[in-house]
Protein backbone atom coordinates (compact mmCIF):
# COMPACT_ATOMS: atom_id res chain seq x y z
CA LEU A 1 -13.58 22.54 14.79
CA TRP A 2 -13.62 26.19 15.84
CA ARG A 3 -16.51 25.56 18.23
CA PHE A 4 -14.83 22.62 19.92
CA GLY A 5 -11.41 24.29 19.83
CA TYR A 6 -9.57 21.21 18.67
CA SER A 7 -6.44 21.06 16.56
CA ALA A 8 -6.25 18.84 13.52
CA ARG A 9 -3.37 17.08 15.24
CA LEU A 10 -5.99 15.41 17.50
CA LEU A 11 -7.70 13.46 14.73
CA LYS A 12 -7.01 10.23 16.58
CA ASN A 13 -8.26 11.63 19.86
CA ASN A 14 -11.45 9.98 21.15
CA HIS A 15 -13.05 13.37 21.82
CA PHE A 16 -12.60 14.40 18.20
CA ARG A 17 -14.07 11.11 16.99
CA THR A 18 -17.08 11.73 19.21
CA ALA A 19 -17.52 15.24 17.82
CA ALA A 20 -17.18 13.97 14.27
CA SER A 21 -19.18 10.77 14.70
CA ASN A 22 -22.17 12.14 12.81
CA THR A 23 -20.06 13.47 9.94
CA SER A 24 -18.82 11.43 7.01
CA PHE A 25 -15.02 11.04 6.76
CA PRO A 26 -14.75 13.08 3.50
CA ALA A 27 -16.92 15.77 5.05
CA VAL A 28 -14.62 15.99 8.09
CA TRP A 29 -11.60 16.47 5.84
CA MET A 30 -13.41 19.10 3.80
CA LEU A 31 -14.20 20.89 7.07
CA LEU A 32 -10.55 20.71 8.06
CA ALA A 33 -9.44 21.96 4.65
CA GLN A 34 -11.91 24.83 4.76
CA TYR A 35 -11.03 26.06 8.23
CA SER A 36 -7.30 25.53 8.01
CA GLY A 37 -7.10 28.79 6.08
CA ARG A 38 -9.07 30.68 8.73
CA ILE A 39 -8.03 29.43 12.16
CA PRO A 40 -4.81 31.06 13.40
CA GLY A 41 -2.11 28.56 14.29
CA LEU A 42 -3.90 25.55 12.78
CA PHE A 43 -1.54 23.21 10.95
CA VAL A 44 -3.49 20.59 9.03
CA VAL A 45 -1.73 17.55 7.64
CA VAL A 46 -3.53 15.92 4.72
CA LYS A 47 -1.73 13.43 2.52
CA LYS A 48 -3.73 12.42 -0.49
CA ASN A 49 -2.56 10.21 -3.33
CA SER A 50 -3.57 12.15 -6.39
CA PHE A 51 -1.41 10.45 -8.97
CA PHE A 52 -1.84 7.27 -10.97
CA THR A 53 -0.18 4.00 -10.06
CA MET A 54 0.45 0.98 -12.21
CA PRO A 55 -2.79 -1.07 -12.25
CA GLU A 56 -3.14 -4.03 -9.88
CA THR A 57 0.17 -4.30 -8.07
CA VAL A 58 1.44 -7.77 -7.31
CA GLU A 59 -0.16 -9.27 -4.21
CA ASP A 60 2.43 -11.70 -2.83
CA LYS A 61 5.69 -13.43 -3.55
CA SER A 62 4.14 -16.72 -4.64
CA HIS A 63 2.12 -14.93 -7.32
CA ILE A 64 5.29 -13.21 -8.54
CA GLU A 65 6.97 -16.58 -8.94
CA LEU A 66 4.05 -18.20 -10.73
CA TYR A 67 3.04 -15.32 -12.98
CA SER A 68 6.40 -13.78 -13.83
CA PRO A 69 7.10 -13.39 -17.57
CA HIS A 70 9.69 -15.59 -19.25
CA PRO A 71 13.13 -15.08 -17.63
CA GLU A 72 14.70 -14.27 -21.01
CA VAL A 73 13.07 -10.81 -21.02
CA ARG A 74 15.52 -9.60 -18.33
CA GLY A 75 17.51 -6.65 -19.70
CA MET A 76 15.17 -6.01 -22.65
CA THR A 77 15.24 -2.34 -23.74
CA LEU A 78 13.12 -2.57 -26.91
CA LEU A 79 9.69 -4.05 -26.23
CA ASN A 80 9.11 -7.48 -27.79
CA ARG A 81 5.68 -8.63 -26.66
CA GLU A 82 6.12 -12.16 -28.06
CA ALA A 83 9.04 -12.80 -25.70
CA PHE A 84 6.71 -12.63 -22.69
CA LYS A 85 4.84 -15.82 -23.57
CA ARG A 86 5.09 -18.59 -21.07
CA THR A 87 3.18 -21.74 -20.13
CA VAL A 88 2.40 -22.63 -16.52
CA ILE A 89 0.76 -25.73 -15.07
CA VAL A 90 -2.39 -25.02 -13.07
CA PRO A 91 -4.94 -27.27 -11.30
CA VAL A 92 -8.42 -27.68 -12.84
CA LEU A 93 -11.69 -29.42 -12.04
CA LYS A 94 -13.83 -31.06 -14.71
CA VAL A 95 -17.43 -29.89 -14.26
CA LYS A 96 -20.66 -30.25 -16.21
CA LYS A 97 -21.31 -26.91 -17.88
CA GLU A 98 -24.81 -26.52 -16.37
CA ILE A 99 -23.46 -26.32 -12.81
CA VAL A 100 -20.38 -24.19 -13.49
CA ASN A 101 -21.89 -20.99 -12.05
CA THR A 102 -23.05 -22.78 -8.90
CA LEU A 103 -19.61 -24.25 -8.36
CA LEU A 104 -17.90 -20.88 -8.90
CA LYS A 105 -20.03 -19.37 -6.14
CA SER A 106 -19.49 -22.31 -3.79
CA LEU A 107 -15.71 -22.38 -4.29
CA LYS A 108 -15.15 -18.65 -4.82
CA HIS A 109 -12.16 -18.66 -2.45
CA THR A 110 -10.53 -21.60 -4.20
CA VAL A 111 -10.95 -20.85 -7.89
CA LEU A 112 -8.44 -18.65 -9.70
CA GLN A 113 -8.92 -14.93 -8.99
CA ARG A 114 -6.72 -12.98 -11.38
CA PRO A 115 -7.89 -10.09 -13.58
CA GLY A 116 -7.51 -10.78 -17.28
CA LEU A 117 -7.48 -14.58 -16.99
CA LYS A 118 -10.48 -16.80 -17.59
CA ARG A 119 -11.49 -19.05 -14.72
CA VAL A 120 -13.44 -21.38 -17.00
CA VAL A 121 -12.09 -22.88 -20.23
CA GLU A 122 -13.34 -25.40 -22.79
CA ASP A 123 -12.77 -29.10 -22.14
CA PRO A 124 -11.01 -30.39 -25.27
CA GLU A 125 -12.24 -33.92 -24.55
CA ASP A 126 -15.90 -33.25 -23.69
CA GLU A 127 -18.05 -30.48 -25.14
CA ASP A 128 -20.63 -30.91 -22.37
CA SER A 129 -18.05 -30.16 -19.68
CA ARG A 130 -15.87 -27.26 -18.70
CA LEU A 131 -12.56 -26.97 -16.90
CA VAL A 132 -12.62 -24.68 -13.86
CA ILE A 133 -9.14 -23.33 -13.05
CA LEU A 134 -8.21 -23.39 -9.37
CA ASP A 135 -5.76 -21.18 -7.51
CA PRO A 136 -2.50 -23.19 -7.36
CA HIS A 137 -1.64 -21.70 -3.98
CA LYS A 138 -4.89 -22.94 -2.45
CA THR A 139 -4.65 -26.42 -3.91
CA PRO A 140 -1.18 -27.60 -2.81
CA GLU A 141 0.00 -30.79 -4.46
CA PHE A 142 -3.10 -30.62 -6.68
CA SER A 143 -5.45 -31.82 -3.95
CA LEU A 144 -8.47 -30.21 -2.30
CA GLY A 145 -9.20 -29.81 1.40
CA GLU A 146 -12.04 -31.50 3.24
CA SER A 147 -14.41 -28.51 3.05
CA GLU A 148 -13.94 -28.19 -0.73
CA GLN A 149 -14.44 -31.91 -1.18
CA GLU A 150 -17.69 -31.72 0.80
CA VAL A 151 -18.95 -28.96 -1.54
CA LEU A 152 -18.12 -31.09 -4.58
CA LYS A 153 -19.87 -34.08 -3.04
CA GLN A 154 -23.06 -32.05 -2.62
CA LEU A 155 -22.83 -30.94 -6.26
CA ASN A 156 -22.08 -34.47 -7.40
CA VAL A 157 -18.72 -33.46 -8.85
CA ARG A 158 -15.72 -35.77 -8.79
CA PRO A 159 -12.96 -34.27 -6.58
CA ASP A 160 -10.22 -35.29 -8.97
CA VAL A 161 -7.86 -32.39 -9.67
CA SER A 162 -6.15 -32.46 -13.07
CA LYS A 163 -3.24 -30.51 -14.52
CA TYR A 164 -3.74 -27.96 -17.28
CA ASN A 165 -1.21 -26.08 -19.37
CA LEU A 166 -2.18 -22.40 -19.17
CA GLU A 167 -0.53 -20.13 -21.71
CA LEU A 168 0.23 -16.60 -20.52
CA THR A 169 0.97 -13.75 -22.93
CA TYR A 170 2.08 -10.13 -22.62
CA GLU A 171 -1.58 -9.12 -22.27
CA ASN A 172 -1.98 -11.26 -19.14
CA PHE A 173 0.83 -9.62 -17.17
CA LYS A 174 0.46 -6.49 -15.08
CA SER A 175 2.61 -3.43 -15.63
CA GLU A 176 4.65 -3.95 -12.49
CA GLU A 177 5.24 -7.63 -13.31
CA ILE A 178 6.52 -6.73 -16.78
CA LEU A 179 8.88 -4.03 -15.53
CA ARG A 180 10.07 -6.12 -12.59
CA ALA A 181 10.96 -8.90 -15.02
CA VAL A 182 12.80 -6.53 -17.40
CA LEU A 183 14.78 -4.28 -15.05
CA PRO A 184 17.85 -5.62 -13.22
CA GLU A 185 16.95 -7.64 -10.13
CA GLY A 186 16.64 -5.57 -6.99
CA GLN A 187 16.23 -2.27 -8.85
CA GLU A 188 13.28 0.00 -8.09
CA VAL A 189 10.38 -0.38 -10.53
CA THR A 190 8.47 2.69 -11.75
CA SER A 191 5.08 2.42 -10.08
CA GLY A 192 3.42 5.78 -10.62
CA PHE A 193 2.96 8.72 -12.94
CA SER A 194 1.00 11.92 -13.27
CA ARG A 195 -1.72 11.95 -15.87
CA VAL A 196 -2.39 15.16 -17.79
CA GLY A 197 -5.15 14.42 -20.29
CA HIS A 198 -3.78 11.84 -22.72
CA ILE A 199 -0.21 12.37 -21.43
CA ALA A 200 1.53 10.28 -18.75
CA HIS A 201 4.31 12.22 -17.04
CA LEU A 202 7.17 10.25 -15.46
CA ASN A 203 10.14 11.22 -13.31
CA LEU A 204 12.49 8.32 -14.02
CA ARG A 205 15.50 7.46 -11.89
CA GLU A 206 18.94 7.14 -13.46
CA HIS A 207 18.94 3.33 -13.40
CA GLN A 208 15.62 3.29 -15.29
CA LEU A 209 16.75 5.51 -18.17
CA PRO A 210 18.14 2.69 -20.40
CA TYR A 211 14.63 1.15 -20.30
CA ARG A 212 12.72 4.40 -20.66
CA HIS A 213 11.19 3.72 -24.10
CA LEU A 214 10.04 0.27 -23.04
CA ILE A 215 8.57 1.69 -19.82
CA GLY A 216 6.70 4.32 -21.85
CA GLN A 217 5.21 1.76 -24.21
CA VAL A 218 4.12 -0.50 -21.33
CA ILE A 219 2.28 2.43 -19.73
CA ILE A 220 0.46 3.13 -23.01
CA ASP A 221 -0.44 -0.55 -23.41
CA LYS A 222 -1.78 -0.95 -19.89
CA ASN A 223 -3.60 2.38 -19.42
CA PRO A 224 -6.50 3.11 -21.78
CA GLY A 225 -6.59 6.74 -22.90
CA ILE A 226 -2.84 7.32 -22.51
CA THR A 227 -1.34 7.96 -25.97
CA CYS A 228 1.82 9.86 -25.04
CA VAL A 229 4.42 9.26 -22.31
CA VAL A 230 7.01 11.89 -21.37
CA ASN A 231 9.88 12.00 -18.92
CA LYS A 232 11.06 15.18 -17.20
CA THR A 233 14.71 15.75 -18.06
CA ASN A 234 15.50 18.55 -15.61
CA ILE A 235 14.05 20.23 -12.53
CA ILE A 236 11.67 23.17 -12.77
CA ASP A 237 14.10 26.03 -12.34
CA SER A 238 13.24 28.33 -15.24
CA THR A 239 11.56 31.69 -14.92
CA TYR A 240 8.44 30.32 -16.56
CA ARG A 241 8.06 27.17 -14.39
CA ASN A 242 8.14 24.73 -17.30
CA PHE A 243 10.64 21.94 -17.82
CA GLN A 244 12.34 20.12 -20.65
CA MET A 245 10.94 16.72 -21.45
CA GLU A 246 11.51 13.73 -23.67
CA VAL A 247 8.71 11.85 -25.39
CA LEU A 248 9.32 8.19 -24.51
CA ALA A 249 6.49 6.54 -26.41
CA GLY A 250 3.38 7.34 -28.43
CA GLU A 251 2.47 10.47 -30.33
CA SER A 252 4.40 13.71 -29.81
CA LYS A 253 1.22 15.66 -29.19
CA LEU A 254 1.65 17.79 -26.08
CA VAL A 255 -1.40 20.04 -26.38
CA THR A 256 -3.96 18.35 -24.19
CA LYS A 257 -7.24 18.76 -22.33
CA VAL A 258 -7.75 18.18 -18.62
CA LYS A 259 -10.67 18.42 -16.23
CA GLU A 260 -10.24 19.47 -12.63
CA ASN A 261 -13.03 20.01 -10.11
CA ASN A 262 -15.57 19.90 -12.98
CA ILE A 263 -13.80 22.65 -14.94
CA ALA A 264 -12.11 22.02 -18.30
CA TYR A 265 -8.71 23.41 -19.24
CA GLU A 266 -6.58 23.21 -22.36
CA LEU A 267 -2.80 23.62 -22.36
CA ASP A 268 0.50 22.84 -24.02
CA PHE A 269 2.19 20.66 -21.40
CA SER A 270 5.64 21.41 -22.81
CA LYS A 271 5.27 25.18 -22.34
CA VAL A 272 3.19 25.78 -19.20
CA TYR A 273 3.08 24.44 -15.66
CA TRP A 274 0.34 22.00 -14.69
CA ASN A 275 0.33 19.60 -11.76
CA PRO A 276 -2.71 17.31 -11.33
CA ARG A 277 -1.65 16.60 -7.75
CA LEU A 278 -2.71 20.13 -6.75
CA SER A 279 -6.37 19.58 -7.56
CA THR A 280 -7.38 19.27 -3.89
CA GLU A 281 -5.45 22.40 -2.97
CA HIS A 282 -7.07 24.43 -5.75
CA GLY A 283 -10.47 23.32 -4.47
CA ARG A 284 -9.58 24.10 -0.85
CA ILE A 285 -8.68 27.72 -1.56
CA VAL A 286 -11.71 28.33 -3.79
CA GLU A 287 -13.89 26.88 -1.02
CA LEU A 288 -12.72 29.71 1.25
CA LEU A 289 -14.07 32.33 -1.16
CA LYS A 290 -17.56 33.76 -1.15
CA PRO A 291 -19.46 35.34 -4.07
CA GLY A 292 -18.43 38.98 -4.30
CA ASP A 293 -14.96 38.44 -2.82
CA VAL A 294 -11.90 39.74 -4.66
CA LEU A 295 -9.09 37.38 -5.66
CA PHE A 296 -5.63 38.48 -6.81
CA ASP A 297 -3.81 35.49 -8.33
CA VAL A 298 -0.17 36.57 -8.57
CA PHE A 299 1.21 33.47 -10.33
CA ALA A 300 -1.98 32.28 -12.03
CA GLY A 301 -0.66 29.76 -14.56
CA ILE A 302 -3.52 28.71 -16.83
CA GLY A 303 -6.15 29.55 -14.21
CA PRO A 304 -6.84 26.69 -11.73
CA PHE A 305 -7.53 29.20 -8.92
CA ALA A 306 -8.78 32.12 -11.03
CA ILE A 307 -11.36 30.40 -13.24
CA PRO A 308 -13.28 28.50 -10.53
CA ALA A 309 -13.23 31.66 -8.41
CA ALA A 310 -14.77 33.63 -11.29
CA LYS A 311 -17.38 30.91 -11.73
CA LYS A 312 -18.17 31.45 -8.04
CA LYS A 313 -18.92 35.10 -8.91
CA CYS A 314 -15.77 36.52 -7.36
CA HIS A 315 -13.94 39.51 -8.86
CA VAL A 316 -10.65 38.11 -10.16
CA PHE A 317 -7.33 39.68 -11.16
CA ALA A 318 -5.02 37.00 -12.61
CA ASN A 319 -1.38 37.40 -13.60
CA ASP A 320 1.43 35.26 -14.99
CA LEU A 321 4.84 36.22 -16.31
CA ASN A 322 5.04 33.33 -18.80
CA PRO A 323 3.59 34.57 -22.14
CA GLU A 324 2.44 31.01 -22.93
CA SER A 325 0.61 30.71 -19.60
CA TYR A 326 -0.93 34.15 -20.19
CA ASN A 327 -2.22 33.08 -23.62
CA TRP A 328 -3.59 29.76 -22.34
CA LEU A 329 -5.17 31.62 -19.40
CA LEU A 330 -7.00 33.89 -21.85
CA HIS A 331 -8.00 30.82 -23.87
CA ASN A 332 -9.35 28.97 -20.82
CA CYS A 333 -11.25 32.02 -19.63
CA LYS A 334 -13.09 32.04 -22.96
CA LEU A 335 -13.48 28.26 -22.88
CA ASN A 336 -15.23 28.52 -19.51
CA LYS A 337 -17.13 31.70 -20.41
CA VAL A 338 -15.60 33.86 -17.66
CA ASP A 339 -13.47 36.10 -19.88
CA ASN A 340 -15.61 39.10 -18.90
CA LYS A 341 -15.16 38.35 -15.19
CA ILE A 342 -11.38 38.10 -15.00
CA LYS A 343 -8.82 40.83 -15.61
CA VAL A 344 -5.71 39.12 -16.98
CA PHE A 345 -2.14 40.46 -16.80
CA ASN A 346 1.23 39.35 -18.20
CA MET A 347 3.63 40.91 -15.68
CA ASP A 348 6.34 40.07 -13.19
CA GLY A 349 4.71 39.12 -9.88
CA ARG A 350 6.32 41.98 -7.98
CA ASP A 351 5.19 44.50 -10.59
CA PHE A 352 1.67 43.06 -10.46
CA LEU A 353 1.53 43.55 -6.68
CA LEU A 354 2.98 47.06 -6.84
CA GLY A 355 0.73 48.03 -9.76
CA PRO A 356 -2.77 46.57 -10.28
CA VAL A 357 -3.07 45.03 -6.79
CA ARG A 358 -2.04 48.22 -4.96
CA GLU A 359 -4.25 50.32 -7.22
CA GLU A 360 -7.32 48.14 -6.62
CA LEU A 361 -6.79 47.90 -2.84
CA SER A 362 -6.20 51.67 -2.60
CA LYS A 363 -9.49 52.24 -4.40
CA GLU A 364 -11.68 49.61 -2.73
CA LEU A 365 -10.52 49.36 0.90
CA PRO A 366 -11.43 52.98 1.87
CA LEU A 367 -14.95 52.35 0.52
CA LEU A 368 -15.40 49.18 2.58
CA LYS A 369 -17.95 49.62 5.36
CA GLU A 370 -17.92 47.68 8.62
CA GLU A 371 -21.10 45.76 7.77
CA GLN A 372 -19.87 44.75 4.31
CA LYS A 373 -18.57 41.18 4.07
CA THR A 374 -16.35 41.44 1.01
CA SER A 375 -13.00 39.73 1.54
CA PHE A 376 -9.78 40.27 -0.38
CA HIS A 377 -7.56 37.24 -1.04
CA ILE A 378 -4.09 37.16 -2.57
CA VAL A 379 -2.86 33.76 -3.81
CA MET A 380 0.90 33.38 -4.35
CA ASN A 381 1.50 29.88 -5.73
CA LEU A 382 5.18 29.94 -6.66
CA PRO A 383 6.54 27.70 -3.90
CA ALA A 384 10.19 27.99 -4.94
CA SER A 385 10.29 31.76 -4.27
CA ALA A 386 6.88 33.26 -3.40
CA ILE A 387 7.89 34.00 0.20
CA GLU A 388 10.58 36.35 -1.12
CA PHE A 389 7.79 38.51 -2.62
CA LEU A 390 6.09 39.13 0.75
CA ASP A 391 8.26 42.17 1.44
CA VAL A 392 6.18 43.97 -1.21
CA PHE A 393 3.40 44.31 1.38
CA ARG A 394 5.53 46.48 3.66
CA HIS A 395 3.82 49.87 3.54
CA LEU A 396 2.14 49.01 0.24
CA LEU A 397 -0.75 51.39 1.04
CA VAL A 398 -0.97 54.85 2.57
CA GLY A 399 -3.53 55.95 5.15
CA GLU A 400 -5.62 54.22 7.79
CA PRO A 401 -7.35 50.83 7.47
CA CYS A 402 -11.13 51.22 7.52
CA SER A 403 -11.46 47.99 9.53
CA SER A 404 -9.32 45.02 10.47
CA ALA A 405 -11.86 42.72 8.78
CA GLY A 406 -11.07 44.30 5.41
CA LEU A 407 -7.37 43.54 5.51
CA PRO A 408 -6.38 41.23 2.63
CA THR A 409 -5.70 37.55 3.35
CA VAL A 410 -2.57 36.10 1.74
CA HIS A 411 -2.20 32.43 0.82
CA CYS A 412 1.52 31.98 0.13
CA TYR A 413 3.16 28.69 -0.89
CA GLY A 414 6.64 27.45 -0.15
CA PHE A 415 8.87 24.40 0.00
CA SER A 416 10.57 23.28 3.20
CA LYS A 417 13.17 20.64 4.05
CA HIS A 418 13.14 21.58 7.72
CA ASP A 419 12.37 19.12 10.54
CA ASP A 420 9.49 21.42 11.51
CA PRO A 421 8.23 22.69 8.13
CA ALA A 422 5.37 24.75 9.62
CA LYS A 423 7.74 26.64 11.89
CA ASP A 424 10.22 27.10 9.05
CA ILE A 425 7.67 28.52 6.62
CA GLN A 426 6.29 30.90 9.27
CA GLU A 427 9.73 32.21 10.25
CA ARG A 428 10.65 32.87 6.63
CA ALA A 429 7.35 34.68 6.02
CA GLU A 430 7.92 36.78 9.16
CA ALA A 431 11.41 37.72 7.96
CA SER A 432 9.99 38.99 4.65
CA LEU A 433 7.14 40.89 6.29
CA GLY A 434 9.24 42.26 9.14
CA THR A 435 6.72 41.27 11.82
CA SER A 436 5.60 38.34 13.93
CA LEU A 437 2.70 36.14 12.76
CA ASP A 438 2.31 34.26 16.04
CA GLY A 439 -1.37 33.58 16.66
CA ARG A 440 -2.49 35.15 13.39
CA CYS A 441 -1.56 32.65 10.69
CA SER A 442 -2.38 29.07 9.73
CA THR A 443 -0.10 26.61 7.96
CA TYR A 444 -1.37 23.83 5.73
CA LEU A 445 0.68 20.89 4.45
CA VAL A 446 -0.22 20.58 0.77
CA ARG A 447 1.83 17.54 -0.23
CA ASN A 448 5.12 15.72 0.08
CA VAL A 449 7.18 16.72 -2.97
CA ALA A 450 10.18 14.47 -2.36
CA PRO A 451 11.81 12.72 0.60
CA ASN A 452 12.25 15.37 3.32
CA LYS A 453 10.72 18.08 1.12
CA GLU A 454 7.24 19.42 1.82
CA MET A 455 5.03 21.92 0.03
CA LEU A 456 3.07 24.15 2.41
CA CYS A 457 0.65 27.05 2.31
CA ILE A 458 0.76 29.76 4.97
CA SER A 459 -2.37 31.93 5.23
CA PHE A 460 -2.63 35.20 7.15
CA GLN A 461 -4.26 38.62 7.10
CA ILE A 462 -1.65 41.27 6.36
CA PRO A 463 -1.15 43.18 9.65
CA ALA A 464 -2.23 46.81 9.38
CA ASP A 465 1.11 48.10 10.65
CA VAL A 466 2.80 46.20 7.80
CA LEU A 467 0.39 47.11 5.01
CA TYR A 468 -0.14 50.80 5.78
CA LYS A 469 2.28 53.72 5.84
CA ARG A 470 0.60 56.40 7.94
CA PRO A 471 1.14 60.22 7.99
CA CYS A 472 2.95 61.70 11.02
CA PRO A 473 0.56 63.04 13.71
CA ASP A 474 1.70 66.66 13.30
CA GLU A 475 1.32 66.54 9.54
CA ALA A 476 -1.99 64.75 9.26
CA LYS A 477 -3.57 67.68 7.40
CA PRO A 478 -4.73 67.03 3.81
CA ALA A 479 -1.90 69.18 2.41
CA ALA A 480 0.80 67.31 4.30
CA LYS A 481 3.07 65.22 2.15
CA ARG A 482 5.86 64.03 4.46
CA LEU A 483 5.35 60.47 5.80
CA CYS A 484 6.51 58.94 9.07
CA THR A 485 9.56 56.78 9.11
CA SER A 486 9.20 53.28 10.54
CA LYS A 487 10.98 54.46 13.73
CA GLU A 488 8.64 57.43 14.17
CA PHE A 489 5.59 55.21 13.61
CA SER A 490 6.81 52.73 16.22
CA GLU A 491 7.36 55.51 18.77
CA GLU A 492 3.87 56.84 18.04
CA LYS A 493 2.38 53.40 18.71
CA LEU A 494 4.25 53.13 22.03
CA GLU A 495 2.88 56.49 23.17
């Protein structure tokens, strides 16, 4: 992308397709994700569905009408599986059992195609025959078309279509069909959830709350491995980024195990923050790092940036204010055998930047030589307020930068409801830093959080005139202690 000089906004452009014609689609997106953090001004838009949906959504209206549960289940709040039983009349063909497989292949577009339902059943009147169930919507008025009749003629099968009473039970219905039949007509049906180990995490709407326990049980029934369903009961607005939740169905076991990008984590979902929809973003940032780089993770959580970076042989400093997150971070470092490669802190983010981060940068940056390729990265994943912490970098260090290449790169996350979220996030970052980032930052759209609310990451190298507080020219001797004011420094630059 850098060589061709194209923006990610030109993905549909024929020239870009030509340039990318020899690259697989996933590889192109990985290339975009990797370079979006390095190319100034590049705003990459990637929308990826990283949450679970109800299995097999309903295909069309006719199927809804035929395979809807019994109408009496409407308004049910306590799950009664027996009430979903219903009998429907379907068309069948009587076929000798030895040619059943041949007929299924020959009439594959006509026979019933519905997961969980048998297409072939016993013939109660003839043990040497079988009944092949046909799709009612492709055999109107229980009669076959000319092409189907020709196939049957070749197989020496009578084209007579009979009626068969097919009994459907709770097990035969899909999640969405069950919930659509239960909730009031016209109301939105829950169709997705986040999965955290054995836990399904819902964000139910107000009209769904009376049915919440039934919804939870249906999710457990229809999704193997899910044994606990919870609903968030308030927004994440606490200091520690966790939220109150209600267990809707299943066991009240909220300590769980997850695997992300081939790394295992353990956590108490009720006490720490974990979002499986950020898996791609965690991988994107770690992909930018090289062995030997230094990573400062200001709001580390349980370690989804820090641990894979340590496994990549980076030097990692990880911090989180939440004592529970700090403890689970220590636990996961040991679990992944990187506890001797990560320095872990339990501090306020601002104190972490002013303390350990400043100390390490003050020690390491003066030693950095031009030919050395060590990079310093600072990740600030607290999108509700991380941008407000950027003012910490104003004159954080004293002296002269050894080289522009050694200046730390910040990856700061934020939410935006603006019509132009990239512009909004950049302007807010500039206000905190007190300088322009035009031409020296990139903005990446992480995900859509809610209607008209985006989560973004802005990446930039901290400008030297922001990061460093330099001695006045006439007092540059080693013994000098007075430092220039911002005004004096600006005048010096103009001269």
